[in-house]
Amino acid sequence: MTAQVAVRHQANAGPMTARDMIHDLARQHAIRYERGELDDWAETVSRVAGDDIQLDETEWLLVALGRAEVMPEIENTKLHARYLAERDGP
């Protein structure tokens, strides 16, 4: 299943940010992130491996969008990369 992510311009705000796109896609597809047992396991394995990574609300929505197969994995990854670049800045 694929999703077309259109870049829309908001009044005087320019194009949508990656965060806006992610939250908009989640709203359009009625997707919410709900923590599962495997999420606890994955976090524990990552922490034990020395990769203690904390996802924020937007990244968890991307996880949920991926699980729902709203867009191809490569598009999910590209959107995540864009989100991180915008969030973390130059």
N, C-alpha and C. Protein backbone atom coordinates (compact mmCIF):
# COMPACT_ATOMS: atom_id res chain seq x y z
N MET A 1 0.86 -1.17 0.00
CA MET A 1 0.00 0.00 0.00
C MET A 1 0.91 1.23 0.00
N THR A 2 0.59 2.23 -0.79
CA THR A 2 1.40 3.44 -0.84
C THR A 2 0.55 4.63 -0.46
N ALA A 3 1.22 5.67 -0.09
CA ALA A 3 0.52 6.91 0.25
C ALA A 3 1.20 8.05 -0.49
N GLN A 4 0.42 8.90 -1.05
CA GLN A 4 0.93 10.10 -1.69
C GLN A 4 1.03 11.17 -0.61
N VAL A 5 2.22 11.69 -0.43
CA VAL A 5 2.41 12.76 0.55
C VAL A 5 2.55 14.05 -0.23
N ALA A 6 1.52 14.85 -0.23
CA ALA A 6 1.53 16.10 -0.97
C ALA A 6 2.10 17.20 -0.10
N VAL A 7 2.92 18.03 -0.71
CA VAL A 7 3.45 19.20 0.01
C VAL A 7 2.45 20.31 -0.19
N ARG A 8 1.86 20.74 0.90
CA ARG A 8 0.90 21.82 0.79
C ARG A 8 1.48 23.05 1.47
N HIS A 9 1.09 24.17 0.98
CA HIS A 9 1.58 25.43 1.54
C HIS A 9 0.55 25.97 2.51
N GLN A 10 1.03 26.33 3.67
CA GLN A 10 0.15 26.92 4.67
C GLN A 10 0.26 28.44 4.52
N ALA A 11 -0.77 29.15 4.86
CA ALA A 11 -0.76 30.61 4.71
C ALA A 11 0.45 31.21 5.41
N ASN A 12 1.30 31.84 4.64
CA ASN A 12 2.50 32.54 5.13
C ASN A 12 3.45 31.64 5.92
N ALA A 13 3.31 30.34 5.84
CA ALA A 13 4.18 29.46 6.61
C ALA A 13 5.09 28.62 5.73
N GLY A 14 4.90 28.65 4.42
CA GLY A 14 5.73 27.86 3.52
C GLY A 14 5.30 26.40 3.50
N PRO A 15 6.14 25.53 2.96
CA PRO A 15 5.77 24.11 2.85
C PRO A 15 5.70 23.44 4.22
N MET A 16 5.01 22.34 4.26
CA MET A 16 4.88 21.58 5.51
C MET A 16 6.24 21.03 5.93
N THR A 17 6.45 20.99 7.22
CA THR A 17 7.65 20.35 7.75
C THR A 17 7.42 18.84 7.73
N ALA A 18 8.48 18.09 7.90
CA ALA A 18 8.36 16.63 7.97
C ALA A 18 7.48 16.25 9.15
N ARG A 19 7.62 16.96 10.27
CA ARG A 19 6.78 16.68 11.44
C ARG A 19 5.31 16.86 11.09
N ASP A 20 4.99 17.96 10.41
CA ASP A 20 3.60 18.20 10.00
C ASP A 20 3.10 17.09 9.09
N MET A 21 3.95 16.66 8.15
CA MET A 21 3.56 15.61 7.21
C MET A 21 3.26 14.30 7.95
N ILE A 22 4.11 13.96 8.91
CA ILE A 22 3.95 12.72 9.67
C ILE A 22 2.65 12.75 10.46
N HIS A 23 2.41 13.84 11.17
CA HIS A 23 1.19 13.96 11.97
C HIS A 23 -0.05 14.02 11.08
N ASP A 24 0.08 14.67 9.92
CA ASP A 24 -1.04 14.75 8.97
C ASP A 24 -1.38 13.37 8.42
N LEU A 25 -0.36 12.61 8.02
CA LEU A 25 -0.59 11.24 7.53
C LEU A 25 -1.26 10.38 8.58
N ALA A 26 -0.80 10.51 9.83
CA ALA A 26 -1.39 9.73 10.91
C ALA A 26 -2.86 10.08 11.08
N ARG A 27 -3.17 11.38 11.02
CA ARG A 27 -4.57 11.81 11.13
C ARG A 27 -5.40 11.28 9.97
N GLN A 28 -4.89 11.41 8.75
CA GLN A 28 -5.62 10.96 7.56
C GLN A 28 -5.95 9.47 7.61
N HIS A 29 -5.06 8.68 8.18
CA HIS A 29 -5.25 7.23 8.22
C HIS A 29 -5.71 6.72 9.58
N ALA A 30 -6.07 7.65 10.46
CA ALA A 30 -6.53 7.30 11.81
C ALA A 30 -5.53 6.37 12.51
N ILE A 31 -4.26 6.76 12.43
CA ILE A 31 -3.18 5.96 13.03
C ILE A 31 -2.74 6.61 14.33
N ARG A 32 -2.61 5.79 15.35
CA ARG A 32 -2.04 6.22 16.63
C ARG A 32 -1.00 5.20 17.01
N TYR A 33 0.01 5.64 17.73
CA TYR A 33 1.00 4.68 18.21
C TYR A 33 0.51 4.11 19.52
N GLU A 34 0.51 2.79 19.59
CA GLU A 34 0.18 2.11 20.84
C GLU A 34 1.33 1.17 21.15
N ARG A 35 1.90 1.37 22.29
CA ARG A 35 3.06 0.60 22.71
C ARG A 35 2.69 -0.87 22.88
N GLY A 36 3.55 -1.74 22.35
CA GLY A 36 3.34 -3.18 22.45
C GLY A 36 4.46 -3.84 23.23
N GLU A 37 4.27 -5.10 23.55
CA GLU A 37 5.27 -5.85 24.31
C GLU A 37 6.61 -5.91 23.59
N LEU A 38 6.58 -6.03 22.27
CA LEU A 38 7.83 -6.09 21.52
C LEU A 38 8.60 -4.78 21.58
N ASP A 39 7.92 -3.67 21.80
CA ASP A 39 8.60 -2.39 21.93
C ASP A 39 9.48 -2.38 23.18
N ASP A 40 8.96 -2.91 24.28
CA ASP A 40 9.75 -3.00 25.51
C ASP A 40 10.98 -3.88 25.28
N TRP A 41 10.77 -5.01 24.64
CA TRP A 41 11.87 -5.94 24.35
C TRP A 41 12.92 -5.28 23.47
N ALA A 42 12.48 -4.60 22.41
CA ALA A 42 13.41 -3.95 21.48
C ALA A 42 14.23 -2.87 22.19
N GLU A 43 13.59 -2.09 23.05
CA GLU A 43 14.31 -1.06 23.78
C GLU A 43 15.34 -1.68 24.72
N THR A 44 14.99 -2.78 25.36
CA THR A 44 15.92 -3.45 26.26
C THR A 44 17.11 -3.99 25.49
N VAL A 45 16.87 -4.64 24.37
CA VAL A 45 17.95 -5.18 23.54
C VAL A 45 18.85 -4.04 23.06
N SER A 46 18.27 -2.94 22.62
CA SER A 46 19.06 -1.80 22.16
C SER A 46 19.91 -1.23 23.28
N ARG A 47 19.32 -1.10 24.46
CA ARG A 47 20.06 -0.55 25.60
C ARG A 47 21.21 -1.45 25.99
N VAL A 48 20.98 -2.77 26.02
CA VAL A 48 22.03 -3.73 26.37
C VAL A 48 23.16 -3.68 25.33
N ALA A 49 22.79 -3.43 24.08
CA ALA A 49 23.78 -3.35 23.00
C ALA A 49 24.51 -2.01 22.99
N GLY A 50 24.13 -1.11 23.89
CA GLY A 50 24.79 0.18 23.97
C GLY A 50 24.17 1.24 23.07
N ASP A 51 23.02 0.97 22.53
CA ASP A 51 22.31 1.91 21.66
C ASP A 51 21.05 2.40 22.34
N ASP A 52 21.20 3.16 23.39
CA ASP A 52 20.05 3.65 24.14
C ASP A 52 19.44 4.83 23.40
N ILE A 53 18.49 4.55 22.52
CA ILE A 53 17.87 5.56 21.68
C ILE A 53 16.45 5.81 22.18
N GLN A 54 16.14 7.07 22.37
CA GLN A 54 14.80 7.46 22.82
C GLN A 54 14.06 8.11 21.66
N LEU A 55 12.97 7.52 21.22
CA LEU A 55 12.16 8.09 20.16
C LEU A 55 11.18 9.10 20.75
N ASP A 56 10.90 10.15 19.99
CA ASP A 56 9.90 11.12 20.43
C ASP A 56 8.53 10.74 19.84
N GLU A 57 7.52 11.52 20.17
CA GLU A 57 6.15 11.22 19.74
C GLU A 57 6.04 11.09 18.22
N THR A 58 6.70 11.97 17.50
CA THR A 58 6.63 11.95 16.04
C THR A 58 7.28 10.69 15.48
N GLU A 59 8.41 10.29 16.04
CA GLU A 59 9.09 9.08 15.58
C GLU A 59 8.25 7.84 15.88
N TRP A 60 7.56 7.82 17.02
CA TRP A 60 6.67 6.68 17.32
C TRP A 60 5.51 6.64 16.33
N LEU A 61 5.03 7.81 15.89
CA LEU A 61 3.98 7.83 14.86
C LEU A 61 4.51 7.23 13.56
N LEU A 62 5.78 7.51 13.22
CA LEU A 62 6.38 6.91 12.04
C LEU A 62 6.44 5.39 12.17
N VAL A 63 6.75 4.90 13.36
CA VAL A 63 6.74 3.46 13.60
C VAL A 63 5.34 2.90 13.32
N ALA A 64 4.32 3.57 13.84
CA ALA A 64 2.94 3.12 13.65
C ALA A 64 2.54 3.18 12.17
N LEU A 65 2.95 4.24 11.47
CA LEU A 65 2.66 4.35 10.04
C LEU A 65 3.33 3.21 9.27
N GLY A 66 4.54 2.86 9.67
CA GLY A 66 5.24 1.74 9.03
C GLY A 66 4.54 0.42 9.29
N ARG A 67 4.12 0.21 10.52
CA ARG A 67 3.42 -1.03 10.86
C ARG A 67 2.11 -1.16 10.10
N ALA A 68 1.46 -0.02 9.84
CA ALA A 68 0.20 -0.03 9.11
C ALA A 68 0.42 -0.06 7.59
N GLU A 69 1.66 -0.04 7.18
CA GLU A 69 2.03 -0.07 5.76
C GLU A 69 1.35 1.05 4.97
N VAL A 70 1.32 2.24 5.57
CA VAL A 70 0.72 3.40 4.93
C VAL A 70 1.57 3.87 3.75
N MET A 71 2.87 3.67 3.83
CA MET A 71 3.77 4.06 2.76
C MET A 71 4.90 3.04 2.66
N PRO A 72 5.57 2.99 1.52
CA PRO A 72 6.69 2.05 1.39
C PRO A 72 7.77 2.36 2.43
N GLU A 73 8.49 1.34 2.85
CA GLU A 73 9.53 1.49 3.87
C GLU A 73 10.55 2.56 3.51
N ILE A 74 10.94 2.60 2.24
CA ILE A 74 11.95 3.58 1.83
C ILE A 74 11.44 5.01 2.01
N GLU A 75 10.15 5.23 1.75
CA GLU A 75 9.57 6.56 1.94
C GLU A 75 9.50 6.91 3.42
N ASN A 76 9.20 5.92 4.25
CA ASN A 76 9.17 6.11 5.70
C ASN A 76 10.56 6.52 6.17
N THR A 77 11.58 5.84 5.67
CA THR A 77 12.97 6.13 6.06
C THR A 77 13.38 7.53 5.60
N LYS A 78 13.02 7.89 4.38
CA LYS A 78 13.35 9.23 3.87
C LYS A 78 12.66 10.31 4.69
N LEU A 79 11.40 10.07 5.04
CA LEU A 79 10.66 11.06 5.83
C LEU A 79 11.27 11.17 7.23
N HIS A 80 11.70 10.05 7.78
CA HIS A 80 12.36 10.07 9.09
C HIS A 80 13.66 10.86 9.02
N ALA A 81 14.46 10.61 7.98
CA ALA A 81 15.72 11.34 7.81
C ALA A 81 15.47 12.85 7.70
N ARG A 82 14.45 13.21 6.93
CA ARG A 82 14.10 14.64 6.78
C ARG A 82 13.67 15.22 8.13
N TYR A 83 12.86 14.45 8.86
CA TYR A 83 12.40 14.91 10.17
C TYR A 83 13.60 15.17 11.10
N LEU A 84 14.54 14.22 11.14
CA LEU A 84 15.71 14.38 12.01
C LEU A 84 16.54 15.58 11.60
N ALA A 85 16.71 15.77 10.29
CA ALA A 85 17.49 16.91 9.82
C ALA A 85 16.83 18.24 10.22
N GLU A 86 15.51 18.30 10.07
CA GLU A 86 14.78 19.51 10.44
C GLU A 86 14.78 19.72 11.95
N ARG A 87 14.61 18.65 12.69
CA ARG A 87 14.54 18.74 14.16
C ARG A 87 15.89 19.15 14.75
N ASP A 88 16.95 18.53 14.25
CA ASP A 88 18.28 18.75 14.82
C ASP A 88 18.98 19.97 14.23
N GLY A 89 18.46 20.45 13.11
CA GLY A 89 19.00 21.66 12.51
C GLY A 89 20.39 21.49 11.92
N PRO A 90 20.94 22.59 11.44
CA PRO A 90 22.26 22.55 10.78
C PRO A 90 23.40 22.30 11.73
